[in-house]
Every structure is written in C-alpha cells, then in structure tokens.
Amino acid sequence: MTCRECEKQIPDFIGKKMHYLGMKRFLEHVDSCGSCREELVIQFLIQESMAHLEDGDVFDLQRELRERLEESRRRIRIYEGILRVGTLFEMLAMAGVLGVVVWILR
C-alpha cells in the first residue's frame, strides 16, 4: 500500500467502514510508516474532538485512538482464525470425499 492509498482510507478507518483485507493492509502500512500514522492521529483528533465537543463530553482522544487500533487488530485476528477454521473444514471435507471415492472404487 502506498502512502497516498493509506491517506485516502483514513476516513473509512475512523468511520469503522473498512473490510478485513483493507483494514489489514491499512494497519500494516500505518504500523510501518510514521508519516501515515501521524496523519491518522491528526485526522482522528480533528474528527473525534469535534464530535465530543458537540456532545459536551470529556474525552481522551489518544486513548480512544489506541483502543480503536487495538480493536481493529483484534478483529483481524478473529477473522483470520475463522479463515483458518474454514480452511480446516474444507480440507476435512476433501479428505472425506476422497475417502468415499476410494471406498467406492474398491
């Protein structure tokens, strides 16, 4: 992912509108690119502070961003776990089909 692609996706990340693969690529880039991480922080602080000010809430935006990033990483781990389980079931199904075919051909 390029920095330009990453910056275009920041609003989707902040708005929680990213799908698994896009989020995974986005987080990998943000984790490795200080410039894009800084841009994420700036945009998050601006957007979320405006929302909190309108509501009159007390807020800690650094903590909120950290929690959002952690939650996104957790969602990616869960999704990848589901993919692994799905792959395992596919392999078991294929082994079962192969076993039935071998049994029929005997």
C-alpha atoms as a PDB file:
ATOM      1  CA  MET A   1       0.000   0.000   0.000  1.00  0.00           C
ATOM      2  CA  THR A   2       1.281   3.440  -0.857  1.00  0.00           C
ATOM      3  CA  CYS A   3       1.057   6.439   1.445  1.00  0.00           C
ATOM      4  CA  ARG A   4      -1.478   8.041  -0.883  1.00  0.00           C
ATOM      5  CA  GLU A   5      -3.746   4.968  -0.737  1.00  0.00           C
ATOM      6  CA  CYS A   6      -3.382   4.854   3.031  1.00  0.00           C
ATOM      7  CA  GLU A   7      -4.294   8.522   3.483  1.00  0.00           C
ATOM      8  CA  LYS A   8      -7.406   8.048   1.346  1.00  0.00           C
ATOM      9  CA  GLN A   9      -8.523   5.230   3.642  1.00  0.00           C
ATOM     10  CA  ILE A  10      -8.102   7.095   6.925  1.00  0.00           C
ATOM     11  CA  PRO A  11     -11.705   8.414   6.945  1.00  0.00           C
ATOM     12  CA  ASP A  12     -13.009   4.871   6.380  1.00  0.00           C
ATOM     13  CA  PHE A  13     -10.898   3.605   9.281  1.00  0.00           C
ATOM     14  CA  ILE A  14     -12.096   6.373  11.576  1.00  0.00           C
ATOM     15  CA  GLY A  15     -15.693   5.752  10.491  1.00  0.00           C
ATOM     16  CA  LYS A  16     -15.304   1.970  11.027  1.00  0.00           C
ATOM     17  CA  LYS A  17     -16.159   1.299   7.387  1.00  0.00           C
ATOM     18  CA  MET A  18     -13.255  -0.944   6.415  1.00  0.00           C
ATOM     19  CA  HIS A  19     -13.446  -4.586   5.427  1.00  0.00           C
ATOM     20  CA  TYR A  20     -10.986  -7.206   6.654  1.00  0.00           C
ATOM     21  CA  LEU A  21      -8.382  -7.154   3.898  1.00  0.00           C
ATOM     22  CA  GLY A  22      -8.395  -3.377   3.536  1.00  0.00           C
ATOM     23  CA  MET A  23      -8.071  -2.934   7.293  1.00  0.00           C
ATOM     24  CA  LYS A  24      -5.234  -5.436   7.469  1.00  0.00           C
ATOM     25  CA  ARG A  25      -3.279  -3.682   4.707  1.00  0.00           C
ATOM     26  CA  PHE A  26      -4.060  -0.270   6.232  1.00  0.00           C
ATOM     27  CA  LEU A  27      -2.815  -1.260   9.702  1.00  0.00           C
ATOM     28  CA  GLU A  28       0.310  -2.905   8.308  1.00  0.00           C
ATOM     29  CA  HIS A  29       1.139   0.329   6.478  1.00  0.00           C
ATOM     30  CA  VAL A  30       0.321   2.600   9.431  1.00  0.00           C
ATOM     31  CA  ASP A  31       2.462   0.423  11.711  1.00  0.00           C
ATOM     32  CA  SER A  32       5.435   0.743   9.370  1.00  0.00           C
ATOM     33  CA  CYS A  33       5.032   4.361   8.185  1.00  0.00           C
ATOM     34  CA  GLY A  34       5.446   7.139  10.726  1.00  0.00           C
ATOM     35  CA  SER A  35       4.158   9.772   8.329  1.00  0.00           C
ATOM     36  CA  CYS A  36       0.867   7.953   7.714  1.00  0.00           C
ATOM     37  CA  ARG A  37       0.490   7.163  11.403  1.00  0.00           C
ATOM     38  CA  GLU A  38       0.903  10.857  12.158  1.00  0.00           C
ATOM     39  CA  GLU A  39      -1.723  11.711   9.536  1.00  0.00           C
ATOM     40  CA  LEU A  40      -4.079   9.152  11.110  1.00  0.00           C
ATOM     41  CA  VAL A  41      -3.558  10.724  14.532  1.00  0.00           C
ATOM     42  CA  ILE A  42      -4.207  14.222  13.184  1.00  0.00           C
ATOM     43  CA  GLN A  43      -7.370  13.274  11.306  1.00  0.00           C
ATOM     44  CA  PHE A  44      -8.645  11.193  14.236  1.00  0.00           C
ATOM     45  CA  LEU A  45      -8.047  14.017  16.700  1.00  0.00           C
ATOM     46  CA  ILE A  46      -9.827  16.535  14.493  1.00  0.00           C
ATOM     47  CA  GLN A  47     -12.835  14.391  13.648  1.00  0.00           C
ATOM     48  CA  GLU A  48     -13.372  12.857  17.076  1.00  0.00           C
ATOM     49  CA  SER A  49     -12.711  16.050  19.030  1.00  0.00           C
ATOM     50  CA  MET A  50     -15.382  17.839  17.000  1.00  0.00           C
ATOM     51  CA  ALA A  51     -17.879  15.071  17.789  1.00  0.00           C
ATOM     52  CA  HIS A  52     -17.028  15.163  21.507  1.00  0.00           C
ATOM     53  CA  LEU A  53     -17.183  18.933  21.686  1.00  0.00           C
ATOM     54  CA  GLU A  54     -20.646  18.930  20.109  1.00  0.00           C
ATOM     55  CA  ASP A  55     -21.788  16.399  22.718  1.00  0.00           C
ATOM     56  CA  GLY A  56     -20.060  18.238  25.565  1.00  0.00           C
ATOM     57  CA  ASP A  57     -18.234  15.057  26.607  1.00  0.00           C
ATOM     58  CA  VAL A  58     -14.939  14.746  28.443  1.00  0.00           C
ATOM     59  CA  PHE A  59     -12.545  12.788  26.263  1.00  0.00           C
ATOM     60  CA  ASP A  60      -9.073  11.282  25.912  1.00  0.00           C
ATOM     61  CA  LEU A  61      -8.512  11.010  22.171  1.00  0.00           C
ATOM     62  CA  GLN A  62      -5.097   9.370  22.400  1.00  0.00           C
ATOM     63  CA  ARG A  63      -6.641   6.558  24.429  1.00  0.00           C
ATOM     64  CA  GLU A  64      -9.588   6.317  22.049  1.00  0.00           C
ATOM     65  CA  LEU A  65      -7.311   6.000  19.018  1.00  0.00           C
ATOM     66  CA  ARG A  66      -5.173   3.410  20.779  1.00  0.00           C
ATOM     67  CA  GLU A  67      -8.324   1.437  21.642  1.00  0.00           C
ATOM     68  CA  ARG A  68      -9.625   1.737  18.067  1.00  0.00           C
ATOM     69  CA  LEU A  69      -6.336   0.383  16.707  1.00  0.00           C
ATOM     70  CA  GLU A  70      -6.308  -2.458  19.240  1.00  0.00           C
ATOM     71  CA  GLU A  71      -9.928  -3.337  18.439  1.00  0.00           C
ATOM     72  CA  SER A  72      -9.136  -3.392  14.718  1.00  0.00           C
ATOM     73  CA  ARG A  73      -6.168  -5.688  15.260  1.00  0.00           C
ATOM     74  CA  ARG A  74      -8.330  -7.967  17.420  1.00  0.00           C
ATOM     75  CA  ARG A  75     -10.988  -8.112  14.691  1.00  0.00           C
ATOM     76  CA  ILE A  76      -8.319  -9.067  12.158  1.00  0.00           C
ATOM     77  CA  ARG A  77      -7.053 -11.876  14.424  1.00  0.00           C
ATOM     78  CA  ILE A  78     -10.608 -13.176  14.858  1.00  0.00           C
ATOM     79  CA  TYR A  79     -11.278 -13.059  11.124  1.00  0.00           C
ATOM     80  CA  GLU A  80      -8.012 -14.849  10.376  1.00  0.00           C
ATOM     81  CA  GLY A  81      -8.917 -17.507  12.951  1.00  0.00           C
ATOM     82  CA  ILE A  82     -12.263 -18.020  11.243  1.00  0.00           C
ATOM     83  CA  LEU A  83     -10.484 -18.351   7.900  1.00  0.00           C
ATOM     84  CA  ARG A  84      -8.153 -20.993   9.354  1.00  0.00           C
ATOM     85  CA  VAL A  85     -11.066 -22.987  10.783  1.00  0.00           C
ATOM     86  CA  GLY A  86     -12.881 -22.719   7.442  1.00  0.00           C
ATOM     87  CA  THR A  87      -9.786 -23.960   5.637  1.00  0.00           C
ATOM     88  CA  LEU A  88      -9.509 -26.872   8.061  1.00  0.00           C
ATOM     89  CA  PHE A  89     -13.143 -27.836   7.438  1.00  0.00           C
ATOM     90  CA  GLU A  90     -12.569 -27.652   3.682  1.00  0.00           C
ATOM     91  CA  MET A  91      -9.565 -29.948   3.997  1.00  0.00           C
ATOM     92  CA  LEU A  92     -11.542 -32.395   6.129  1.00  0.00           C
ATOM     93  CA  ALA A  93     -14.401 -32.363   3.621  1.00  0.00           C
ATOM     94  CA  MET A  94     -11.993 -33.027   0.759  1.00  0.00           C
ATOM     95  CA  ALA A  95     -10.420 -35.886   2.713  1.00  0.00           C
ATOM     96  CA  GLY A  96     -13.898 -37.285   3.347  1.00  0.00           C
ATOM     97  CA  VAL A  97     -14.823 -37.075  -0.325  1.00  0.00           C
ATOM     98  CA  LEU A  98     -11.530 -38.687  -1.285  1.00  0.00           C
ATOM     99  CA  GLY A  99     -12.169 -41.454   1.243  1.00  0.00           C
ATOM    100  CA  VAL A 100     -15.637 -42.101  -0.181  1.00  0.00           C
ATOM    101  CA  VAL A 101     -14.275 -42.182  -3.749  1.00  0.00           C
ATOM    102  CA  VAL A 102     -11.535 -44.633  -2.771  1.00  0.00           C
ATOM    103  CA  TRP A 103     -14.057 -46.796  -0.912  1.00  0.00           C
ATOM    104  CA  ILE A 104     -16.441 -46.836  -3.929  1.00  0.00           C
ATOM    105  CA  LEU A 105     -13.651 -47.702  -6.380  1.00  0.00           C
ATOM    106  CA  ARG A 106     -12.523 -50.738  -4.394  1.00  0.00           C
END
